[in-house]
PDB file of N, CA and C in Angstrom:
ATOM      1  N   UNK A   1       2.882  15.602 -64.952  1.00  0.00           N
ATOM      2  CA  UNK A   1       3.482  16.490 -63.991  1.00  0.00           C
ATOM      3  C   UNK A   1       2.423  16.850 -62.964  1.00  0.00           C
ATOM      4  N   UNK A   2       2.730  16.681 -61.700  1.00  0.00           N
ATOM      5  CA  UNK A   2       1.736  16.892 -60.660  1.00  0.00           C
ATOM      6  C   UNK A   2       1.908  18.205 -59.927  1.00  0.00           C
ATOM      7  N   UNK A   3       3.042  18.825 -60.072  1.00  0.00           N
ATOM      8  CA  UNK A   3       3.290  20.138 -59.461  1.00  0.00           C
ATOM      9  C   UNK A   3       3.393  21.124 -60.605  1.00  0.00           C
ATOM     10  N   UNK A   4       2.522  22.117 -60.634  1.00  0.00           N
ATOM     11  CA  UNK A   4       2.468  23.015 -61.785  1.00  0.00           C
ATOM     12  C   UNK A   4       2.341  24.465 -61.345  1.00  0.00           C
ATOM     13  N   UNK A   5       2.639  25.343 -62.259  1.00  0.00           N
ATOM     14  CA  UNK A   5       2.173  26.704 -62.125  1.00  0.00           C
ATOM     15  C   UNK A   5       1.749  27.176 -63.488  1.00  0.00           C
ATOM     16  N   UNK A   6       0.809  28.075 -63.494  1.00  0.00           N
ATOM     17  CA  UNK A   6       0.176  28.522 -64.723  1.00  0.00           C
ATOM     18  C   UNK A   6       0.273  30.042 -64.797  1.00  0.00           C
ATOM     19  N   UNK A   7       0.636  30.532 -65.966  1.00  0.00           N
ATOM     20  CA  UNK A   7       0.639  31.975 -66.193  1.00  0.00           C
ATOM     21  C   UNK A   7      -0.782  32.362 -66.588  1.00  0.00           C
ATOM     22  N   UNK A   8      -1.437  33.106 -65.724  1.00  0.00           N
ATOM     23  CA  UNK A   8      -2.824  33.494 -65.990  1.00  0.00           C
ATOM     24  C   UNK A   8      -2.910  34.702 -66.909  1.00  0.00           C
ATOM     25  N   UNK A   9      -1.985  35.631 -66.731  1.00  0.00           N
ATOM     26  CA  UNK A   9      -1.992  36.784 -67.625  1.00  0.00           C
ATOM     27  C   UNK A   9      -0.619  37.430 -67.644  1.00  0.00           C
ATOM     28  N   UNK A  10      -0.336  38.034 -68.755  1.00  0.00           N
ATOM     29  CA  UNK A  10       0.914  38.747 -68.962  1.00  0.00           C
ATOM     30  C   UNK A  10       0.519  40.035 -69.660  1.00  0.00           C
ATOM     31  N   UNK A  11       0.468  41.123 -68.922  1.00  0.00           N
ATOM     32  CA  UNK A  11      -0.115  42.345 -69.430  1.00  0.00           C
ATOM     33  C   UNK A  11       0.885  43.482 -69.463  1.00  0.00           C
ATOM     34  N   UNK A  12       1.231  43.979 -70.650  1.00  0.00           N
ATOM     35  CA  UNK A  12       2.058  45.186 -70.698  1.00  0.00           C
ATOM     36  C   UNK A  12       1.287  46.361 -70.109  1.00  0.00           C
ATOM     37  N   UNK A  13       1.964  47.189 -69.348  1.00  0.00           N
ATOM     38  CA  UNK A  13       1.325  48.381 -68.803  1.00  0.00           C
ATOM     39  C   UNK A  13       1.894  49.602 -69.500  1.00  0.00           C
ATOM     40  N   UNK A  14       1.371  50.737 -69.171  1.00  0.00           N
ATOM     41  CA  UNK A  14       1.820  51.961 -69.828  1.00  0.00           C
ATOM     42  C   UNK A  14       3.098  52.516 -69.211  1.00  0.00           C
ATOM     43  N   UNK A  15       3.557  51.951 -68.109  1.00  0.00           N
ATOM     44  CA  UNK A  15       4.696  52.530 -67.394  1.00  0.00           C
ATOM     45  C   UNK A  15       5.976  51.710 -67.537  1.00  0.00           C
ATOM     46  N   UNK A  16       6.186  51.089 -68.677  1.00  0.00           N
ATOM     47  CA  UNK A  16       7.384  50.310 -68.951  1.00  0.00           C
ATOM     48  C   UNK A  16       7.515  49.082 -68.057  1.00  0.00           C
ATOM     49  N   UNK A  17       6.394  48.629 -67.496  1.00  0.00           N
ATOM     50  CA  UNK A  17       6.382  47.408 -66.696  1.00  0.00           C
ATOM     51  C   UNK A  17       5.380  46.432 -67.280  1.00  0.00           C
ATOM     52  N   UNK A  18       5.635  45.163 -67.038  1.00  0.00           N
ATOM     53  CA  UNK A  18       4.734  44.084 -67.411  1.00  0.00           C
ATOM     54  C   UNK A  18       4.232  43.449 -66.128  1.00  0.00           C
ATOM     55  N   UNK A  19       2.970  43.062 -66.096  1.00  0.00           N
ATOM     56  CA  UNK A  19       2.408  42.366 -64.948  1.00  0.00           C
ATOM     57  C   UNK A  19       2.247  40.896 -65.322  1.00  0.00           C
ATOM     58  N   UNK A  20       2.885  40.022 -64.546  1.00  0.00           N
ATOM     59  CA  UNK A  20       2.716  38.585 -64.728  1.00  0.00           C
ATOM     60  C   UNK A  20       1.916  38.066 -63.545  1.00  0.00           C
ATOM     61  N   UNK A  21       0.796  37.380 -63.831  1.00  0.00           N
ATOM     62  CA  UNK A  21      -0.027  36.770 -62.792  1.00  0.00           C
ATOM     63  C   UNK A  21      -0.088  35.276 -63.057  1.00  0.00           C
ATOM     64  N   UNK A  22      -0.113  34.503 -61.999  1.00  0.00           N
ATOM     65  CA  UNK A  22      -0.192  33.065 -62.184  1.00  0.00           C
ATOM     66  C   UNK A  22      -0.660  32.350 -60.934  1.00  0.00           C
ATOM     67  N   UNK A  23      -0.686  31.010 -61.017  1.00  0.00           N
ATOM     68  CA  UNK A  23      -1.141  30.161 -59.919  1.00  0.00           C
ATOM     69  C   UNK A  23      -0.186  28.983 -59.783  1.00  0.00           C
ATOM     70  N   UNK A  24       0.212  28.683 -58.557  1.00  0.00           N
ATOM     71  CA  UNK A  24       0.987  27.472 -58.286  1.00  0.00           C
ATOM     72  C   UNK A  24       0.054  26.438 -57.677  1.00  0.00           C
ATOM     73  N   UNK A  25       0.214  25.182 -58.093  1.00  0.00           N
ATOM     74  CA  UNK A  25      -0.646  24.122 -57.560  1.00  0.00           C
ATOM     75  C   UNK A  25       0.111  22.808 -57.474  1.00  0.00           C
ATOM     76  N   UNK A  26      -0.367  21.958 -56.589  1.00  0.00           N
ATOM     77  CA  UNK A  26       0.197  20.622 -56.414  1.00  0.00           C
ATOM     78  C   UNK A  26      -0.960  19.640 -56.406  1.00  0.00           C
ATOM     79  N   UNK A  27      -0.928  18.670 -57.327  1.00  0.00           N
ATOM     80  CA  UNK A  27      -2.009  17.696 -57.479  1.00  0.00           C
ATOM     81  C   UNK A  27      -3.364  18.381 -57.639  1.00  0.00           C
ATOM     82  N   UNK A  28      -3.352  19.521 -58.325  1.00  0.00           N
ATOM     83  CA  UNK A  28      -4.580  20.260 -58.610  1.00  0.00           C
ATOM     84  C   UNK A  28      -5.026  21.207 -57.518  1.00  0.00           C
ATOM     85  N   UNK A  29      -4.378  21.170 -56.364  1.00  0.00           N
ATOM     86  CA  UNK A  29      -4.746  22.059 -55.252  1.00  0.00           C
ATOM     87  C   UNK A  29      -3.764  23.223 -55.171  1.00  0.00           C
ATOM     88  N   UNK A  30      -4.261  24.436 -54.945  1.00  0.00           N
ATOM     89  CA  UNK A  30      -3.363  25.590 -54.846  1.00  0.00           C
ATOM     90  C   UNK A  30      -2.399  25.444 -53.663  1.00  0.00           C
ATOM     91  N   UNK A  31      -1.151  25.871 -53.870  1.00  0.00           N
ATOM     92  CA  UNK A  31      -0.140  25.850 -52.811  1.00  0.00           C
ATOM     93  C   UNK A  31       0.694  27.123 -52.885  1.00  0.00           C
ATOM     94  N   UNK A  32       1.244  27.493 -51.753  1.00  0.00           N
ATOM     95  CA  UNK A  32       2.161  28.627 -51.702  1.00  0.00           C
ATOM     96  C   UNK A  32       3.566  28.125 -52.030  1.00  0.00           C
ATOM     97  N   UNK A  33       4.211  28.754 -53.002  1.00  0.00           N
ATOM     98  CA  UNK A  33       5.557  28.357 -53.422  1.00  0.00           C
ATOM     99  C   UNK A  33       6.359  29.591 -53.819  1.00  0.00           C
ATOM    100  N   UNK A  34       7.674  29.481 -53.743  1.00  0.00           N
ATOM    101  CA  UNK A  34       8.541  30.503 -54.293  1.00  0.00           C
ATOM    102  C   UNK A  34       8.530  30.400 -55.810  1.00  0.00           C
ATOM    103  N   UNK A  35       8.507  31.530 -56.474  1.00  0.00           N
ATOM    104  CA  UNK A  35       8.614  31.601 -57.928  1.00  0.00           C
ATOM    105  C   UNK A  35       9.781  32.536 -58.222  1.00  0.00           C
ATOM    106  N   UNK A  36      10.766  32.012 -58.914  1.00  0.00           N
ATOM    107  CA  UNK A  36      11.931  32.821 -59.278  1.00  0.00           C
ATOM    108  C   UNK A  36      11.812  33.226 -60.736  1.00  0.00           C
ATOM    109  N   UNK A  37      12.081  34.485 -61.003  1.00  0.00           N
ATOM    110  CA  UNK A  37      11.922  35.024 -62.350  1.00  0.00           C
ATOM    111  C   UNK A  37      13.285  35.506 -62.835  1.00  0.00           C
ATOM    112  N   UNK A  38      13.700  34.958 -63.975  1.00  0.00           N
ATOM    113  CA  UNK A  38      15.014  35.253 -64.549  1.00  0.00           C
ATOM    114  C   UNK A  38      14.862  35.956 -65.883  1.00  0.00           C
ATOM    115  N   UNK A  39      15.854  36.771 -66.225  1.00  0.00           N
ATOM    116  CA  UNK A  39      15.958  37.335 -67.567  1.00  0.00           C
ATOM    117  C   UNK A  39      16.425  36.208 -68.487  1.00  0.00           C
ATOM    118  N   UNK A  40      15.679  35.942 -69.523  1.00  0.00           N
ATOM    119  CA  UNK A  40      16.010  34.810 -70.391  1.00  0.00           C
ATOM    120  C   UNK A  40      17.325  35.023 -71.142  1.00  0.00           C
ATOM    121  N   UNK A  41      17.645  36.250 -71.514  1.00  0.00           N
ATOM    122  CA  UNK A  41      18.821  36.488 -72.351  1.00  0.00           C
ATOM    123  C   UNK A  41      20.145  36.313 -71.611  1.00  0.00           C
ATOM    124  N   UNK A  42      20.185  36.618 -70.318  1.00  0.00           N
ATOM    125  CA  UNK A  42      21.465  36.514 -69.611  1.00  0.00           C
ATOM    126  C   UNK A  42      21.410  35.679 -68.329  1.00  0.00           C
ATOM    127  N   UNK A  43      20.227  35.189 -67.962  1.00  0.00           N
ATOM    128  CA  UNK A  43      20.094  34.324 -66.791  1.00  0.00           C
ATOM    129  C   UNK A  43      20.077  35.039 -65.459  1.00  0.00           C
ATOM    130  N   UNK A  44      20.072  36.363 -65.465  1.00  0.00           N
ATOM    131  CA  UNK A  44      20.085  37.123 -64.211  1.00  0.00           C
ATOM    132  C   UNK A  44      18.757  36.958 -63.473  1.00  0.00           C
ATOM    133  N   UNK A  45      18.849  36.735 -62.164  1.00  0.00           N
ATOM    134  CA  UNK A  45      17.652  36.680 -61.330  1.00  0.00           C
ATOM    135  C   UNK A  45      17.083  38.085 -61.212  1.00  0.00           C
ATOM    136  N   UNK A  46      15.823  38.243 -61.617  1.00  0.00           N
ATOM    137  CA  UNK A  46      15.179  39.550 -61.575  1.00  0.00           C
ATOM    138  C   UNK A  46      14.367  39.711 -60.293  1.00  0.00           C
ATOM    139  N   UNK A  47      13.645  38.661 -59.931  1.00  0.00           N
ATOM    140  CA  UNK A  47      12.767  38.778 -58.770  1.00  0.00           C
ATOM    141  C   UNK A  47      12.442  37.395 -58.228  1.00  0.00           C
ATOM    142  N   UNK A  48      12.289  37.316 -56.912  1.00  0.00           N
ATOM    143  CA  UNK A  48      11.778  36.115 -56.253  1.00  0.00           C
ATOM    144  C   UNK A  48      10.524  36.527 -55.501  1.00  0.00           C
ATOM    145  N   UNK A  49       9.431  35.807 -55.749  1.00  0.00           N
ATOM    146  CA  UNK A  49       8.168  36.106 -55.070  1.00  0.00           C
ATOM    147  C   UNK A  49       7.600  34.808 -54.524  1.00  0.00           C
ATOM    148  N   UNK A  50       6.663  34.913 -53.598  1.00  0.00           N
ATOM    149  CA  UNK A  50       5.975  33.747 -53.062  1.00  0.00           C
ATOM    150  C   UNK A  50       4.496  33.882 -53.388  1.00  0.00           C
ATOM    151  N   UNK A  51       3.919  32.806 -53.907  1.00  0.00           N
ATOM    152  CA  UNK A  51       2.483  32.810 -54.141  1.00  0.00           C
ATOM    153  C   UNK A  51       1.767  32.728 -52.793  1.00  0.00           C
ATOM    154  N   UNK A  52       0.533  33.237 -52.748  1.00  0.00           N
ATOM    155  CA  UNK A  52      -0.225  33.206 -51.499  1.00  0.00           C
ATOM    156  C   UNK A  52      -0.798  31.807 -51.255  1.00  0.00           C
ATOM    157  N   UNK A  53      -1.570  31.624 -50.200  1.00  0.00           N
ATOM    158  CA  UNK A  53      -2.086  30.294 -49.855  1.00  0.00           C
ATOM    159  C   UNK A  53      -3.076  29.765 -50.897  1.00  0.00           C
ATOM    160  N   UNK A  54      -3.640  30.653 -51.707  1.00  0.00           N
ATOM    161  CA  UNK A  54      -4.498  30.220 -52.817  1.00  0.00           C
ATOM    162  C   UNK A  54      -3.683  29.961 -54.083  1.00  0.00           C
ATOM    163  N   UNK A  55      -2.351  30.027 -53.979  1.00  0.00           N
ATOM    164  CA  UNK A  55      -1.470  29.758 -55.102  1.00  0.00           C
ATOM    165  C   UNK A  55      -1.271  30.931 -56.044  1.00  0.00           C
ATOM    166  N   UNK A  56      -1.875  32.065 -55.770  1.00  0.00           N
ATOM    167  CA  UNK A  56      -1.806  33.215 -56.683  1.00  0.00           C
ATOM    168  C   UNK A  56      -0.522  34.009 -56.484  1.00  0.00           C
ATOM    169  N   UNK A  57       0.042  34.438 -57.610  1.00  0.00           N
ATOM    170  CA  UNK A  57       1.185  35.342 -57.542  1.00  0.00           C
ATOM    171  C   UNK A  57       1.055  36.418 -58.602  1.00  0.00           C
ATOM    172  N   UNK A  58       1.706  37.550 -58.338  1.00  0.00           N
ATOM    173  CA  UNK A  58       1.700  38.673 -59.277  1.00  0.00           C
ATOM    174  C   UNK A  58       3.062  39.351 -59.171  1.00  0.00           C
ATOM    175  N   UNK A  59       3.642  39.678 -60.312  1.00  0.00           N
ATOM    176  CA  UNK A  59       4.931  40.363 -60.335  1.00  0.00           C
ATOM    177  C   UNK A  59       4.893  41.475 -61.370  1.00  0.00           C
ATOM    178  N   UNK A  60       5.451  42.612 -61.010  1.00  0.00           N
ATOM    179  CA  UNK A  60       5.632  43.733 -61.930  1.00  0.00           C
ATOM    180  C   UNK A  60       7.080  43.683 -62.398  1.00  0.00           C
ATOM    181  N   UNK A  61       7.270  43.538 -63.705  1.00  0.00           N
ATOM    182  CA  UNK A  61       8.595  43.306 -64.274  1.00  0.00           C
ATOM    183  C   UNK A  61       8.877  44.276 -65.414  1.00  0.00           C
ATOM    184  N   UNK A  62      10.158  44.459 -65.744  1.00  0.00           N
ATOM    185  CA  UNK A  62      10.494  45.328 -66.875  1.00  0.00           C
ATOM    186  C   UNK A  62       9.813  44.847 -68.165  1.00  0.00           C
ATOM    187  N   UNK A  63       9.354  45.781 -68.949  1.00  0.00           N
ATOM    188  CA  UNK A  63       8.699  45.467 -70.220  1.00  0.00           C
ATOM    189  C   UNK A  63       9.742  45.174 -71.300  1.00  0.00           C
ATOM    190  N   UNK A  64       9.337  44.514 -72.342  1.00  0.00           N
ATOM    191  CA  UNK A  64      10.126  44.287 -73.550  1.00  0.00           C
ATOM    192  C   UNK A  64      11.296  43.322 -73.374  1.00  0.00           C
ATOM    193  N   UNK A  65      11.270  42.459 -72.372  1.00  0.00           N
ATOM    194  CA  UNK A  65      12.272  41.398 -72.285  1.00  0.00           C
ATOM    195  C   UNK A  65      11.564  40.069 -72.062  1.00  0.00           C
ATOM    196  N   UNK A  66      12.272  38.982 -72.332  1.00  0.00           N
ATOM    197  CA  UNK A  66      11.728  37.643 -72.150  1.00  0.00           C
ATOM    198  C   UNK A  66      12.155  37.113 -70.784  1.00  0.00           C
ATOM    199  N   UNK A  67      11.283  36.287 -70.188  1.00  0.00           N
ATOM    200  CA  UNK A  67      11.526  35.776 -68.855  1.00  0.00           C
ATOM    201  C   UNK A  67      11.488  34.252 -68.826  1.00  0.00           C
ATOM    202  N   UNK A  68      12.146  33.690 -67.816  1.00  0.00           N
ATOM    203  CA  UNK A  68      12.020  32.284 -67.473  1.00  0.00           C
ATOM    204  C   UNK A  68      11.584  32.234 -66.013  1.00  0.00           C
ATOM    205  N   UNK A  69      10.485  31.521 -65.735  1.00  0.00           N
ATOM    206  CA  UNK A  69       9.983  31.380 -64.379  1.00  0.00           C
ATOM    207  C   UNK A  69      10.269  29.966 -63.894  1.00  0.00           C
ATOM    208  N   UNK A  70      10.746  29.853 -62.658  1.00  0.00           N
ATOM    209  CA  UNK A  70      11.097  28.559 -62.084  1.00  0.00           C
ATOM    210  C   UNK A  70      10.490  28.462 -60.693  1.00  0.00           C
ATOM    211  N   UNK A  71       9.880  27.312 -60.401  1.00  0.00           N
ATOM    212  CA  UNK A  71       9.372  27.047 -59.065  1.00  0.00           C
ATOM    213  C   UNK A  71       9.777  25.628 -58.684  1.00  0.00           C
ATOM    214  N   UNK A  72      10.285  25.481 -57.454  1.00  0.00           N
ATOM    215  CA  UNK A  72      10.810  24.195 -56.989  1.00  0.00           C
ATOM    216  C   UNK A  72      10.008  23.737 -55.778  1.00  0.00           C
ATOM    217  N   UNK A  73       9.642  22.463 -55.753  1.00  0.00           N
ATOM    218  CA  UNK A  73       8.941  21.873 -54.623  1.00  0.00           C
ATOM    219  C   UNK A  73       9.918  21.746 -53.451  1.00  0.00           C
ATOM    220  N   UNK A  74       9.682  22.449 -52.332  1.00  0.00           N
ATOM    221  CA  UNK A  74      10.630  22.402 -51.216  1.00  0.00           C
ATOM    222  C   UNK A  74      10.733  21.030 -50.552  1.00  0.00           C
ATOM    223  N   UNK A  75       9.717  20.191 -50.719  1.00  0.00           N
ATOM    224  CA  UNK A  75       9.746  18.844 -50.135  1.00  0.00           C
ATOM    225  C   UNK A  75      10.442  17.837 -51.045  1.00  0.00           C
ATOM    226  N   UNK A  76      10.774  18.268 -52.260  1.00  0.00           N
ATOM    227  CA  UNK A  76      11.472  17.435 -53.251  1.00  0.00           C
ATOM    228  C   UNK A  76      10.675  16.211 -53.695  1.00  0.00           C
ATOM    229  N   UNK A  77       9.351  16.302 -53.626  1.00  0.00           N
ATOM    230  CA  UNK A  77       8.509  15.215 -54.120  1.00  0.00           C
ATOM    231  C   UNK A  77       8.261  15.311 -55.619  1.00  0.00           C
ATOM    232  N   UNK A  78       8.405  16.519 -56.176  1.00  0.00           N
ATOM    233  CA  UNK A  78       8.130  16.763 -57.582  1.00  0.00           C
ATOM    234  C   UNK A  78       9.299  17.505 -58.208  1.00  0.00           C
ATOM    235  N   UNK A  79       9.460  17.342 -59.502  1.00  0.00           N
ATOM    236  CA  UNK A  79      10.492  18.071 -60.236  1.00  0.00           C
ATOM    237  C   UNK A  79      10.157  19.559 -60.290  1.00  0.00           C
ATOM    238  N   UNK A  80      11.159  20.356 -60.572  1.00  0.00           N
ATOM    239  CA  UNK A  80      10.946  21.791 -60.749  1.00  0.00           C
ATOM    240  C   UNK A  80       9.998  22.035 -61.916  1.00  0.00           C
ATOM    241  N   UNK A  81       9.275  23.120 -61.823  1.00  0.00           N
ATOM    242  CA  UNK A  81       8.398  23.536 -62.913  1.00  0.00           C
ATOM    243  C   UNK A  81       9.013  24.782 -63.527  1.00  0.00           C
ATOM    244  N   UNK A  82       9.167  24.761 -64.848  1.00  0.00           N
ATOM    245  CA  UNK A  82       9.815  25.858 -65.558  1.00  0.00           C
ATOM    246  C   UNK A  82       8.907  26.340 -66.682  1.00  0.00           C
ATOM    247  N   UNK A  83       8.687  27.638 -66.717  1.00  0.00           N
ATOM    248  CA  UNK A  83       7.960  28.258 -67.835  1.00  0.00           C
ATOM    249  C   UNK A  83       8.968  29.152 -68.535  1.00  0.00           C
ATOM    250  N   UNK A  84       9.347  28.769 -69.750  1.00  0.00           N
ATOM    251  CA  UNK A  84      10.399  29.475 -70.475  1.00  0.00           C
ATOM    252  C   UNK A  84       9.809  30.343 -71.576  1.00  0.00           C
ATOM    253  N   UNK A  85      10.564  31.374 -71.948  1.00  0.00           N
ATOM    254  CA  UNK A  85      10.199  32.263 -73.050  1.00  0.00           C
ATOM    255  C   UNK A  85       8.871  32.975 -72.799  1.00  0.00           C
ATOM    256  N   UNK A  86       8.684  33.478 -71.578  1.00  0.00           N
ATOM    257  CA  UNK A  86       7.500  34.251 -71.232  1.00  0.00           C
ATOM    258  C   UNK A  86       7.734  35.678 -71.703  1.00  0.00           C
ATOM    259  N   UNK A  87       6.874  36.148 -72.601  1.00  0.00           N
ATOM    260  CA  UNK A  87       7.053  37.475 -73.189  1.00  0.00           C
ATOM    261  C   UNK A  87       5.743  38.265 -73.145  1.00  0.00           C
ATOM    262  N   UNK A  88       5.828  39.586 -72.977  1.00  0.00           N
ATOM    263  CA  UNK A  88       4.626  40.423 -73.065  1.00  0.00           C
ATOM    264  C   UNK A  88       4.072  40.385 -74.482  1.00  0.00           C
ATOM    265  N   UNK A  89       2.768  40.414 -74.586  1.00  0.00           N
ATOM    266  CA  UNK A  89       2.130  40.379 -75.903  1.00  0.00           C
ATOM    267  C   UNK A  89       1.367  41.664 -76.152  1.00  0.00           C
TER     268      UNK A  89
END
């Protein structure tokens, strides 16, 4: 897979929110991409964010639920990248 994103950290906070940080990259180089975050249990879209030009993204999300993250290459050169069952630890 040549288009990837990586979850760098998933940190529960004290305020009922979880912080998810990650990086989007294409062929090993950071790229800006949309990252869609869904509730795993019902498929509801929770948030759409865009990574910066260094590929970094950060989202504050509800704590105690599982997420599915999806990012799609807008040029359609690569398949979608999906990170499933992302949970706070």
